[in-house]
């Protein structure tokens, strides 16, 4: 299992899809007549990709096509999105399971947990932010065992570094905001609170109620009212699913400098700068 942190979103989708094609489906030449059903469960939005954005189904279908699995011929895609409403995931997972899929791509920690609770034998390819070993999802990174494999972001470590960079960019500030995605369950807040204390700053946490523009605006407005100097937009797969309503745009509109995860989020989506851990340096500065 390869760490997800070394990949851009588009490449990550393709690697995950390739894992499905080569590891989970393993179609033999004599079985090409079979129509394979691939499930996709995500806690993000279902809007189509725009401009430079590559959506999960885009990348998934492209990689499967390159490996001989073509939509409408020998492939069906059963995709479900919770639109940021985590409480919908169990029901959506049940819909995917009822469709009789051969394998599932679960995008986000909460999506993976929903599929694990719903199915007993279906292979699952995960795209998660938490440490899958520490959370008990797999036995180890090298040998996951069981029916779950896939990739994992180093979101906590990356967000700590993003907080440090935000602190360096605004050295006189003492209060920063953290925008969390809806349904976040990882221990990121505790990690960042500890990191903030080491940096001699404070972090006020606000969770977006959903993935809509007005919900981002409400969280940003609350942070602005508290007097934050800048905002750390937490790393999550959920944000990347909706390029028409990105929280970085709202931060820019409210005059709040924001740091985000991927370089395209700084180039086109309102963040002042971005940082990922591909090469250990900021991926883009505006």
C-alpha atoms as a PDB file:
ATOM      1  CA  UNK A   1       0.000   0.000   0.000  1.00  0.00           C
ATOM      2  CA  UNK A   2       1.495   3.298  -1.101  1.00  0.00           C
ATOM      3  CA  UNK A   3       1.144   6.441   1.034  1.00  0.00           C
ATOM      4  CA  UNK A   4      -1.309   8.820  -0.574  1.00  0.00           C
ATOM      5  CA  UNK A   5       0.584  11.914   0.491  1.00  0.00           C
ATOM      6  CA  UNK A   6       3.043  11.565  -2.380  1.00  0.00           C
ATOM      7  CA  UNK A   7       0.346  11.910  -5.013  1.00  0.00           C
ATOM      8  CA  UNK A   8      -1.628  14.763  -6.512  1.00  0.00           C
ATOM      9  CA  UNK A   9      -5.433  14.229  -6.504  1.00  0.00           C
ATOM     10  CA  UNK A  10      -5.602  13.160 -10.158  1.00  0.00           C
ATOM     11  CA  UNK A  11      -2.735  10.692  -9.850  1.00  0.00           C
ATOM     12  CA  UNK A  12      -4.142   9.391  -6.591  1.00  0.00           C
ATOM     13  CA  UNK A  13      -7.446   8.598  -8.264  1.00  0.00           C
ATOM     14  CA  UNK A  14      -5.678   6.730 -11.031  1.00  0.00           C
ATOM     15  CA  UNK A  15      -3.485   4.749  -8.657  1.00  0.00           C
ATOM     16  CA  UNK A  16      -6.528   3.791  -6.611  1.00  0.00           C
ATOM     17  CA  UNK A  17      -8.351   2.768  -9.758  1.00  0.00           C
ATOM     18  CA  UNK A  18      -5.355   0.756 -10.889  1.00  0.00           C
ATOM     19  CA  UNK A  19      -5.378  -1.039  -7.544  1.00  0.00           C
ATOM     20  CA  UNK A  20      -8.965  -2.012  -8.253  1.00  0.00           C
ATOM     21  CA  UNK A  21      -8.201  -3.181 -11.755  1.00  0.00           C
ATOM     22  CA  UNK A  22      -5.102  -5.185 -10.965  1.00  0.00           C
ATOM     23  CA  UNK A  23      -5.701  -6.383  -7.419  1.00  0.00           C
ATOM     24  CA  UNK A  24      -9.413  -6.661  -6.791  1.00  0.00           C
ATOM     25  CA  UNK A  25     -11.014  -7.530 -10.097  1.00  0.00           C
ATOM     26  CA  UNK A  26      -8.188  -9.607 -11.615  1.00  0.00           C
ATOM     27  CA  UNK A  27     -10.154 -10.401 -14.749  1.00  0.00           C
ATOM     28  CA  UNK A  28      -8.844 -13.347 -16.694  1.00  0.00           C
ATOM     29  CA  UNK A  29      -8.867 -13.374 -20.481  1.00  0.00           C
ATOM     30  CA  UNK A  30     -11.626 -15.993 -20.479  1.00  0.00           C
ATOM     31  CA  UNK A  31     -13.872 -13.831 -18.307  1.00  0.00           C
ATOM     32  CA  UNK A  32     -13.979 -10.660 -20.397  1.00  0.00           C
ATOM     33  CA  UNK A  33     -17.659 -11.188 -21.186  1.00  0.00           C
ATOM     34  CA  UNK A  34     -18.581 -10.525 -17.562  1.00  0.00           C
ATOM     35  CA  UNK A  35     -19.987  -7.100 -16.701  1.00  0.00           C
ATOM     36  CA  UNK A  36     -18.166  -5.949 -13.580  1.00  0.00           C
ATOM     37  CA  UNK A  37     -19.840  -3.625 -11.100  1.00  0.00           C
ATOM     38  CA  UNK A  38     -17.613  -1.134  -9.300  1.00  0.00           C
ATOM     39  CA  UNK A  39     -19.022   0.865  -6.400  1.00  0.00           C
ATOM     40  CA  UNK A  40     -17.886   4.330  -5.381  1.00  0.00           C
ATOM     41  CA  UNK A  41     -18.911   5.840  -2.037  1.00  0.00           C
ATOM     42  CA  UNK A  42     -17.839   9.369  -1.183  1.00  0.00           C
ATOM     43  CA  UNK A  43     -18.639  11.944   1.475  1.00  0.00           C
ATOM     44  CA  UNK A  44     -18.143  14.705  -1.098  1.00  0.00           C
ATOM     45  CA  UNK A  45     -20.386  16.375  -3.660  1.00  0.00           C
ATOM     46  CA  UNK A  46     -21.545  14.787  -6.904  1.00  0.00           C
ATOM     47  CA  UNK A  47     -21.015  17.863  -9.094  1.00  0.00           C
ATOM     48  CA  UNK A  48     -19.022  17.218 -12.299  1.00  0.00           C
ATOM     49  CA  UNK A  49     -15.390  18.197 -12.565  1.00  0.00           C
ATOM     50  CA  UNK A  50     -14.623  21.606 -14.033  1.00  0.00           C
ATOM     51  CA  UNK A  51     -11.516  23.031 -15.690  1.00  0.00           C
ATOM     52  CA  UNK A  52      -8.343  21.505 -14.208  1.00  0.00           C
ATOM     53  CA  UNK A  53     -10.277  19.498 -11.628  1.00  0.00           C
ATOM     54  CA  UNK A  54     -10.436  15.728 -11.927  1.00  0.00           C
ATOM     55  CA  UNK A  55     -13.316  14.115 -10.104  1.00  0.00           C
ATOM     56  CA  UNK A  56     -13.146  10.683  -8.500  1.00  0.00           C
ATOM     57  CA  UNK A  57     -15.349   9.009 -11.147  1.00  0.00           C
ATOM     58  CA  UNK A  58     -13.407  10.723 -13.952  1.00  0.00           C
ATOM     59  CA  UNK A  59     -10.108   9.299 -12.794  1.00  0.00           C
ATOM     60  CA  UNK A  60     -11.604   5.965 -11.874  1.00  0.00           C
ATOM     61  CA  UNK A  61     -13.229   5.427 -15.263  1.00  0.00           C
ATOM     62  CA  UNK A  62     -10.132   6.630 -17.125  1.00  0.00           C
ATOM     63  CA  UNK A  63      -7.845   4.170 -15.365  1.00  0.00           C
ATOM     64  CA  UNK A  64     -10.274   1.290 -15.699  1.00  0.00           C
ATOM     65  CA  UNK A  65     -10.686   2.084 -19.396  1.00  0.00           C
ATOM     66  CA  UNK A  66      -6.919   1.997 -19.836  1.00  0.00           C
ATOM     67  CA  UNK A  67      -6.947  -1.465 -18.285  1.00  0.00           C
ATOM     68  CA  UNK A  68      -9.717  -2.860 -20.474  1.00  0.00           C
ATOM     69  CA  UNK A  69     -12.806  -2.088 -18.372  1.00  0.00           C
ATOM     70  CA  UNK A  70     -15.175   0.122 -20.358  1.00  0.00           C
ATOM     71  CA  UNK A  71     -18.372   1.693 -19.135  1.00  0.00           C
ATOM     72  CA  UNK A  72     -21.365   0.290 -20.957  1.00  0.00           C
ATOM     73  CA  UNK A  73     -19.430  -2.719 -22.233  1.00  0.00           C
ATOM     74  CA  UNK A  74     -17.963  -4.785 -19.419  1.00  0.00           C
ATOM     75  CA  UNK A  75     -18.239  -2.220 -16.609  1.00  0.00           C
ATOM     76  CA  UNK A  76     -20.976  -0.580 -14.543  1.00  0.00           C
ATOM     77  CA  UNK A  77     -20.298   2.175 -12.022  1.00  0.00           C
ATOM     78  CA  UNK A  78     -22.515   2.440  -8.951  1.00  0.00           C
ATOM     79  CA  UNK A  79     -21.615   5.828  -7.441  1.00  0.00           C
ATOM     80  CA  UNK A  80     -23.168   7.389  -4.359  1.00  0.00           C
ATOM     81  CA  UNK A  81     -22.349  10.742  -2.715  1.00  0.00           C
ATOM     82  CA  UNK A  82     -23.463  11.983   0.681  1.00  0.00           C
ATOM     83  CA  UNK A  83     -22.996  15.677  -0.259  1.00  0.00           C
ATOM     84  CA  UNK A  84     -21.190  16.150   3.048  1.00  0.00           C
ATOM     85  CA  UNK A  85     -23.998  14.606   5.128  1.00  0.00           C
ATOM     86  CA  UNK A  86     -22.165  11.822   6.943  1.00  0.00           C
ATOM     87  CA  UNK A  87     -25.392  10.420   8.364  1.00  0.00           C
ATOM     88  CA  UNK A  88     -26.440   9.429   4.835  1.00  0.00           C
ATOM     89  CA  UNK A  89     -23.432   7.177   4.258  1.00  0.00           C
ATOM     90  CA  UNK A  90     -24.838   3.981   5.856  1.00  0.00           C
ATOM     91  CA  UNK A  91     -27.914   4.101   3.623  1.00  0.00           C
ATOM     92  CA  UNK A  92     -25.832   4.851   0.531  1.00  0.00           C
ATOM     93  CA  UNK A  93     -23.469   2.017   1.437  1.00  0.00           C
ATOM     94  CA  UNK A  94     -26.470  -0.298   1.610  1.00  0.00           C
ATOM     95  CA  UNK A  95     -27.557   0.809  -1.870  1.00  0.00           C
ATOM     96  CA  UNK A  96     -24.119  -0.015  -3.241  1.00  0.00           C
ATOM     97  CA  UNK A  97     -24.087  -3.399  -1.500  1.00  0.00           C
ATOM     98  CA  UNK A  98     -27.580  -4.218  -2.784  1.00  0.00           C
ATOM     99  CA  UNK A  99     -26.402  -3.535  -6.341  1.00  0.00           C
ATOM    100  CA  UNK A 100     -24.103  -6.551  -6.064  1.00  0.00           C
ATOM    101  CA  UNK A 101     -20.818  -4.759  -6.733  1.00  0.00           C
ATOM    102  CA  UNK A 102     -17.586  -6.694  -7.158  1.00  0.00           C
ATOM    103  CA  UNK A 103     -15.407  -4.062  -5.474  1.00  0.00           C
ATOM    104  CA  UNK A 104     -15.864  -0.628  -3.867  1.00  0.00           C
ATOM    105  CA  UNK A 105     -13.749   2.513  -3.882  1.00  0.00           C
ATOM    106  CA  UNK A 106     -14.460   4.218  -0.533  1.00  0.00           C
ATOM    107  CA  UNK A 107     -13.399   7.869  -0.537  1.00  0.00           C
ATOM    108  CA  UNK A 108     -12.940   9.191   3.031  1.00  0.00           C
ATOM    109  CA  UNK A 109     -12.624   7.542   6.409  1.00  0.00           C
ATOM    110  CA  UNK A 110     -16.340   7.750   7.088  1.00  0.00           C
ATOM    111  CA  UNK A 111     -17.167   6.162   3.728  1.00  0.00           C
ATOM    112  CA  UNK A 112     -14.825   3.279   4.466  1.00  0.00           C
ATOM    113  CA  UNK A 113     -16.372   2.695   7.877  1.00  0.00           C
ATOM    114  CA  UNK A 114     -19.846   2.708   6.341  1.00  0.00           C
ATOM    115  CA  UNK A 115     -18.867   0.105   3.742  1.00  0.00           C
ATOM    116  CA  UNK A 116     -17.147  -2.090   6.325  1.00  0.00           C
ATOM    117  CA  UNK A 117     -20.262  -2.014   8.487  1.00  0.00           C
ATOM    118  CA  UNK A 118     -22.524  -2.845   5.543  1.00  0.00           C
ATOM    119  CA  UNK A 119     -20.621  -5.551   3.687  1.00  0.00           C
ATOM    120  CA  UNK A 120     -18.909  -8.683   4.930  1.00  0.00           C
ATOM    121  CA  UNK A 121     -16.886  -9.933   1.970  1.00  0.00           C
ATOM    122  CA  UNK A 122     -16.773  -7.213  -0.724  1.00  0.00           C
ATOM    123  CA  UNK A 123     -13.203  -6.026  -1.453  1.00  0.00           C
ATOM    124  CA  UNK A 124     -12.709  -2.335  -0.636  1.00  0.00           C
ATOM    125  CA  UNK A 125     -10.112   0.084  -1.982  1.00  0.00           C
ATOM    126  CA  UNK A 126      -9.795   2.955   0.495  1.00  0.00           C
ATOM    127  CA  UNK A 127      -8.824   6.587   0.049  1.00  0.00           C
ATOM    128  CA  UNK A 128      -8.511   7.846   3.622  1.00  0.00           C
ATOM    129  CA  UNK A 129      -6.891  10.600   5.648  1.00  0.00           C
ATOM    130  CA  UNK A 130      -6.438   8.825   8.964  1.00  0.00           C
ATOM    131  CA  UNK A 131      -3.699   6.337   9.722  1.00  0.00           C
ATOM    132  CA  UNK A 132      -5.410   3.107   8.596  1.00  0.00           C
ATOM    133  CA  UNK A 133      -3.185   0.966  10.821  1.00  0.00           C
ATOM    134  CA  UNK A 134      -3.786   2.971  13.990  1.00  0.00           C
ATOM    135  CA  UNK A 135      -7.530   3.034  13.307  1.00  0.00           C
ATOM    136  CA  UNK A 136      -7.626  -0.729  12.802  1.00  0.00           C
ATOM    137  CA  UNK A 137      -8.661  -0.632   9.143  1.00  0.00           C
ATOM    138  CA  UNK A 138      -5.656  -2.669   8.000  1.00  0.00           C
ATOM    139  CA  UNK A 139      -3.006  -4.788   9.683  1.00  0.00           C
ATOM    140  CA  UNK A 140      -0.050  -2.878   8.234  1.00  0.00           C
ATOM    141  CA  UNK A 141       0.809  -0.570   5.352  1.00  0.00           C
ATOM    142  CA  UNK A 142       2.935  -3.195   3.623  1.00  0.00           C
ATOM    143  CA  UNK A 143       0.562  -6.116   4.230  1.00  0.00           C
ATOM    144  CA  UNK A 144      -2.956  -4.780   4.871  1.00  0.00           C
ATOM    145  CA  UNK A 145      -4.524  -8.236   4.991  1.00  0.00           C
ATOM    146  CA  UNK A 146      -8.254  -8.874   4.944  1.00  0.00           C
ATOM    147  CA  UNK A 147     -10.377  -7.246   2.240  1.00  0.00           C
ATOM    148  CA  UNK A 148      -9.230  -3.625   2.518  1.00  0.00           C
ATOM    149  CA  UNK A 149      -6.334  -2.091   0.621  1.00  0.00           C
ATOM    150  CA  UNK A 150      -5.653   1.289  -0.913  1.00  0.00           C
ATOM    151  CA  UNK A 151      -4.041   4.568  -0.004  1.00  0.00           C
ATOM    152  CA  UNK A 152      -3.807   6.992   2.916  1.00  0.00           C
ATOM    153  CA  UNK A 153      -3.059  10.712   3.101  1.00  0.00           C
ATOM    154  CA  UNK A 154      -0.844  12.058   5.871  1.00  0.00           C
ATOM    155  CA  UNK A 155      -3.448  14.712   6.657  1.00  0.00           C
ATOM    156  CA  UNK A 156      -2.578  15.356  10.288  1.00  0.00           C
ATOM    157  CA  UNK A 157       1.123  15.840   9.595  1.00  0.00           C
ATOM    158  CA  UNK A 158       0.382  18.033   6.594  1.00  0.00           C
ATOM    159  CA  UNK A 159      -2.042  20.232   8.502  1.00  0.00           C
ATOM    160  CA  UNK A 160       0.508  20.783  11.272  1.00  0.00           C
ATOM    161  CA  UNK A 161       2.994  21.994   8.674  1.00  0.00           C
ATOM    162  CA  UNK A 162       0.343  24.209   7.081  1.00  0.00           C
ATOM    163  CA  UNK A 163      -0.342  25.805  10.459  1.00  0.00           C
ATOM    164  CA  UNK A 164       3.378  26.450  10.881  1.00  0.00           C
ATOM    165  CA  UNK A 165       3.570  28.106   7.454  1.00  0.00           C
ATOM    166  CA  UNK A 166       0.509  30.235   8.188  1.00  0.00           C
ATOM    167  CA  UNK A 167       2.156  31.331  11.441  1.00  0.00           C
ATOM    168  CA  UNK A 168       5.353  32.243   9.578  1.00  0.00           C
ATOM    169  CA  UNK A 169       3.410  34.172   6.935  1.00  0.00           C
ATOM    170  CA  UNK A 170       1.630  36.270   9.602  1.00  0.00           C
ATOM    171  CA  UNK A 171       4.249  36.407  12.375  1.00  0.00           C
ATOM    172  CA  UNK A 172       2.477  38.934  14.608  1.00  0.00           C
ATOM    173  CA  UNK A 173      -0.794  36.990  14.740  1.00  0.00           C
ATOM    174  CA  UNK A 174      -1.824  34.954  17.754  1.00  0.00           C
ATOM    175  CA  UNK A 175      -5.202  33.541  16.697  1.00  0.00           C
ATOM    176  CA  UNK A 176      -5.903  31.393  13.644  1.00  0.00           C
ATOM    177  CA  UNK A 177      -8.967  29.527  12.445  1.00  0.00           C
ATOM    178  CA  UNK A 178      -9.334  25.887  11.439  1.00  0.00           C
ATOM    179  CA  UNK A 179     -12.124  24.962   9.033  1.00  0.00           C
ATOM    180  CA  UNK A 180     -13.065  21.306   9.477  1.00  0.00           C
ATOM    181  CA  UNK A 181     -15.174  19.328   6.969  1.00  0.00           C
ATOM    182  CA  UNK A 182     -18.611  18.014   7.949  1.00  0.00           C
ATOM    183  CA  UNK A 183     -18.458  14.665   9.671  1.00  0.00           C
ATOM    184  CA  UNK A 184     -14.758  14.870  10.553  1.00  0.00           C
ATOM    185  CA  UNK A 185     -13.891  12.239  13.154  1.00  0.00           C
ATOM    186  CA  UNK A 186     -10.101  12.107  13.201  1.00  0.00           C
ATOM    187  CA  UNK A 187      -7.966  13.444  16.031  1.00  0.00           C
ATOM    188  CA  UNK A 188      -6.744  16.379  13.940  1.00  0.00           C
ATOM    189  CA  UNK A 189      -8.023  19.031  16.345  1.00  0.00           C
ATOM    190  CA  UNK A 190      -5.999  17.662  19.247  1.00  0.00           C
ATOM    191  CA  UNK A 191      -2.887  17.391  17.109  1.00  0.00           C
ATOM    192  CA  UNK A 192      -3.249  20.955  15.850  1.00  0.00           C
ATOM    193  CA  UNK A 193      -4.030  22.331  19.299  1.00  0.00           C
ATOM    194  CA  UNK A 194      -0.789  20.836  20.570  1.00  0.00           C
ATOM    195  CA  UNK A 195       1.120  22.188  17.569  1.00  0.00           C
ATOM    196  CA  UNK A 196      -0.413  25.633  18.135  1.00  0.00           C
ATOM    197  CA  UNK A 197       0.797  25.674  21.727  1.00  0.00           C
ATOM    198  CA  UNK A 198       4.333  24.974  20.545  1.00  0.00           C
ATOM    199  CA  UNK A 199       4.029  27.855  18.083  1.00  0.00           C
ATOM    200  CA  UNK A 200       2.685  30.169  20.809  1.00  0.00           C
ATOM    201  CA  UNK A 201      -0.626  30.710  19.008  1.00  0.00           C
ATOM    202  CA  UNK A 202      -4.235  29.609  19.438  1.00  0.00           C
ATOM    203  CA  UNK A 203      -6.566  27.883  17.015  1.00  0.00           C
ATOM    204  CA  UNK A 204     -10.333  28.291  16.984  1.00  0.00           C
ATOM    205  CA  UNK A 205     -12.127  25.387  15.308  1.00  0.00           C
ATOM    206  CA  UNK A 206     -15.260  25.645  13.187  1.00  0.00           C
ATOM    207  CA  UNK A 207     -16.821  22.732  11.337  1.00  0.00           C
ATOM    208  CA  UNK A 208     -18.707  23.375   8.105  1.00  0.00           C
ATOM    209  CA  UNK A 209     -22.271  22.116   8.434  1.00  0.00           C
ATOM    210  CA  UNK A 210     -22.225  20.961   4.812  1.00  0.00           C
ATOM    211  CA  UNK A 211     -20.568  21.475   1.438  1.00  0.00           C
ATOM    212  CA  UNK A 212     -22.576  24.484   0.268  1.00  0.00           C
ATOM    213  CA  UNK A 213     -21.374  28.058  -0.169  1.00  0.00           C
ATOM    214  CA  UNK A 214     -23.626  29.443   2.563  1.00  0.00           C
ATOM    215  CA  UNK A 215     -22.344  26.855   5.042  1.00  0.00           C
ATOM    216  CA  UNK A 216     -18.733  27.784   4.319  1.00  0.00           C
ATOM    217  CA  UNK A 217     -19.640  31.453   4.638  1.00  0.00           C
ATOM    218  CA  UNK A 218     -21.245  30.886   8.043  1.00  0.00           C
ATOM    219  CA  UNK A 219     -18.124  29.172   9.403  1.00  0.00           C
ATOM    220  CA  UNK A 220     -15.787  31.786   7.905  1.00  0.00           C
ATOM    221  CA  UNK A 221     -17.960  34.606   9.229  1.00  0.00           C
ATOM    222  CA  UNK A 222     -17.829  33.151  12.732  1.00  0.00           C
ATOM    223  CA  UNK A 223     -14.049  32.929  12.595  1.00  0.00           C
ATOM    224  CA  UNK A 224     -13.762  36.457  11.247  1.00  0.00           C
ATOM    225  CA  UNK A 225     -15.954  37.703  14.093  1.00  0.00           C
ATOM    226  CA  UNK A 226     -13.577  36.040  16.565  1.00  0.00           C
ATOM    227  CA  UNK A 227     -10.697  38.001  15.060  1.00  0.00           C
ATOM    228  CA  UNK A 228      -8.640  35.264  13.393  1.00  0.00           C
ATOM    229  CA  UNK A 229      -5.687  36.461  11.348  1.00  0.00           C
ATOM    230  CA  UNK A 230      -5.830  33.587   8.874  1.00  0.00           C
ATOM    231  CA  UNK A 231      -7.510  30.276   8.210  1.00  0.00           C
ATOM    232  CA  UNK A 232      -6.188  26.762   7.816  1.00  0.00           C
ATOM    233  CA  UNK A 233      -8.572  24.901   5.531  1.00  0.00           C
ATOM    234  CA  UNK A 234      -8.204  21.335   6.744  1.00  0.00           C
ATOM    235  CA  UNK A 235      -7.055  18.711   4.275  1.00  0.00           C
ATOM    236  CA  UNK A 236      -9.932  16.486   3.209  1.00  0.00           C
ATOM    237  CA  UNK A 237     -11.193  14.666   0.138  1.00  0.00           C
ATOM    238  CA  UNK A 238     -14.601  16.294   0.639  1.00  0.00           C
ATOM    239  CA  UNK A 239     -13.432  19.778  -0.398  1.00  0.00           C
ATOM    240  CA  UNK A 240     -12.005  18.618  -3.722  1.00  0.00           C
ATOM    241  CA  UNK A 241     -15.338  17.273  -4.938  1.00  0.00           C
ATOM    242  CA  UNK A 242     -17.029  20.642  -5.509  1.00  0.00           C
ATOM    243  CA  UNK A 243     -15.008  23.204  -7.484  1.00  0.00           C
ATOM    244  CA  UNK A 244     -18.028  25.512  -7.805  1.00  0.00           C
ATOM    245  CA  UNK A 245     -18.167  26.127  -4.043  1.00  0.00           C
ATOM    246  CA  UNK A 246     -14.701  26.035  -2.528  1.00  0.00           C
ATOM    247  CA  UNK A 247     -14.113  27.432   0.994  1.00  0.00           C
ATOM    248  CA  UNK A 248     -10.980  29.235  -0.170  1.00  0.00           C
ATOM    249  CA  UNK A 249     -13.155  31.481  -2.300  1.00  0.00           C
ATOM    250  CA  UNK A 250     -15.274  32.388   0.725  1.00  0.00           C
ATOM    251  CA  UNK A 251     -12.177  33.136   2.798  1.00  0.00           C
ATOM    252  CA  UNK A 252     -10.915  35.446   0.069  1.00  0.00           C
ATOM    253  CA  UNK A 253     -14.262  37.238  -0.123  1.00  0.00           C
ATOM    254  CA  UNK A 254     -14.192  37.812   3.645  1.00  0.00           C
ATOM    255  CA  UNK A 255     -10.628  39.101   3.602  1.00  0.00           C
ATOM    256  CA  UNK A 256      -9.145  36.092   5.393  1.00  0.00           C
ATOM    257  CA  UNK A 257      -5.819  34.731   4.108  1.00  0.00           C
ATOM    258  CA  UNK A 258      -6.079  30.959   3.898  1.00  0.00           C
ATOM    259  CA  UNK A 259      -3.704  28.069   3.407  1.00  0.00           C
ATOM    260  CA  UNK A 260      -4.950  24.864   1.808  1.00  0.00           C
ATOM    261  CA  UNK A 261      -3.663  21.500   0.697  1.00  0.00           C
ATOM    262  CA  UNK A 262      -3.062  21.203  -3.069  1.00  0.00           C
ATOM    263  CA  UNK A 263      -1.405  23.660  -5.432  1.00  0.00           C
ATOM    264  CA  UNK A 264      -4.452  24.066  -7.700  1.00  0.00           C
ATOM    265  CA  UNK A 265      -6.387  25.305  -4.676  1.00  0.00           C
ATOM    266  CA  UNK A 266      -3.970  28.235  -4.462  1.00  0.00           C
ATOM    267  CA  UNK A 267      -3.891  28.867  -8.201  1.00  0.00           C
ATOM    268  CA  UNK A 268      -7.632  28.898  -8.795  1.00  0.00           C
ATOM    269  CA  UNK A 269      -9.647  28.605  -5.620  1.00  0.00           C
ATOM    270  CA  UNK A 270      -8.923  31.553  -3.356  1.00  0.00           C
ATOM    271  CA  UNK A 271      -6.239  30.241  -1.020  1.00  0.00           C
ATOM    272  CA  UNK A 272      -3.250  32.532  -0.592  1.00  0.00           C
ATOM    273  CA  UNK A 273      -0.908  29.556  -0.624  1.00  0.00           C
ATOM    274  CA  UNK A 274      -0.867  25.791  -0.397  1.00  0.00           C
ATOM    275  CA  UNK A 275       1.355  23.076   0.970  1.00  0.00           C
ATOM    276  CA  UNK A 276       1.567  19.374   0.337  1.00  0.00           C
ATOM    277  CA  UNK A 277       4.257  16.873   1.203  1.00  0.00           C
ATOM    278  CA  UNK A 278       5.207  15.759  -2.289  1.00  0.00           C
ATOM    279  CA  UNK A 279       8.660  17.287  -2.039  1.00  0.00           C
ATOM    280  CA  UNK A 280       8.676  18.694   1.477  1.00  0.00           C
ATOM    281  CA  UNK A 281       8.124  22.300   0.387  1.00  0.00           C
ATOM    282  CA  UNK A 282       5.150  24.580  -0.339  1.00  0.00           C
ATOM    283  CA  UNK A 283       3.593  23.364  -3.553  1.00  0.00           C
ATOM    284  CA  UNK A 284       2.417  26.774  -4.696  1.00  0.00           C
ATOM    285  CA  UNK A 285       2.627  30.398  -3.611  1.00  0.00           C
ATOM    286  CA  UNK A 286       0.419  33.144  -5.004  1.00  0.00           C
END
